[in-house]
Amino acid sequence: MKYFVNESCIGCGLCASTCPEVFSMNDAGTAVAIEGDVDDASLESAAEACNGCPVAAIEQA
């Protein structure tokens, strides 16, 4: 499973703090997701980050 962050991101950092293995903050102050598949150990926290996004900027691919 892969995730990506769309243009709705407000840069709150919740995803990066919930699942730093998958999400990080870029120089522009918005979140980005890793390009590859999420490993099994991070699936639960990545889903939590996705579901917790206050502006629904994280999408599954």
Protein backbone atom coordinates (compact mmCIF):
# COMPACT_ATOMS: atom_id res chain seq x y z
CA MET A 1 0.00 0.00 0.00
CA LYS A 2 1.15 3.51 -0.78
CA TYR A 3 0.10 6.90 0.53
CA PHE A 4 0.41 10.37 -0.91
CA VAL A 5 -0.33 13.84 0.41
CA ASN A 6 -2.46 16.10 -1.76
CA GLU A 7 -2.49 19.90 -2.08
CA SER A 8 -4.97 20.25 0.80
CA CYS A 9 -2.17 19.78 3.34
CA ILE A 10 -2.02 22.61 5.88
CA GLY A 11 1.32 21.55 7.36
CA CYS A 12 0.06 20.68 10.83
CA GLY A 13 2.60 17.85 11.17
CA LEU A 14 0.20 15.35 12.72
CA CYS A 15 0.99 12.65 10.17
CA ALA A 16 4.75 13.06 10.58
CA SER A 17 4.47 12.78 14.34
CA THR A 18 2.09 9.81 14.13
CA CYS A 19 4.05 7.84 11.52
CA PRO A 20 7.52 9.29 10.85
CA GLU A 21 8.46 6.13 8.95
CA VAL A 22 6.07 7.15 6.16
CA PHE A 23 5.44 10.90 6.46
CA SER A 24 7.79 13.85 6.82
CA MET A 25 7.66 17.60 6.42
CA ASN A 26 9.31 19.25 3.43
CA ASP A 27 11.06 22.62 3.19
CA ALA A 28 7.78 24.28 2.15
CA GLY A 29 6.21 23.21 5.47
CA THR A 30 3.85 20.62 4.08
CA ALA A 31 3.83 16.86 4.47
CA VAL A 32 5.15 14.31 2.02
CA ALA A 33 4.90 10.53 2.02
CA ILE A 34 7.59 8.03 1.10
CA GLU A 35 7.49 7.02 -2.54
CA GLY A 36 7.52 3.27 -2.03
CA ASP A 37 5.14 0.83 -0.41
CA VAL A 38 4.57 1.11 3.32
CA ASP A 39 6.20 -1.79 5.16
CA ASP A 40 4.07 -4.11 7.27
CA ALA A 41 5.41 -2.71 10.55
CA SER A 42 4.17 0.79 9.66
CA LEU A 43 0.76 -0.04 8.17
CA GLU A 44 -1.22 0.58 11.35
CA SER A 45 0.39 3.91 12.21
CA ALA A 46 0.20 5.06 8.57
CA ALA A 47 -3.54 4.32 8.54
CA GLU A 48 -3.89 6.19 11.84
CA ALA A 49 -2.13 9.20 10.33
CA CYS A 50 -4.34 9.06 7.26
CA ASN A 51 -7.53 8.84 9.30
CA GLY A 52 -6.39 11.57 11.69
CA CYS A 53 -5.56 14.18 9.06
CA PRO A 54 -7.75 17.19 9.90
CA VAL A 55 -8.14 18.21 6.24
CA ALA A 56 -8.18 14.74 4.61
CA ALA A 57 -5.01 15.52 2.66
CA ILE A 58 -3.66 11.97 2.84
CA GLU A 59 -4.84 9.50 0.23
CA GLN A 60 -4.20 5.82 -0.30
CA ALA A 61 -2.92 4.62 -3.63
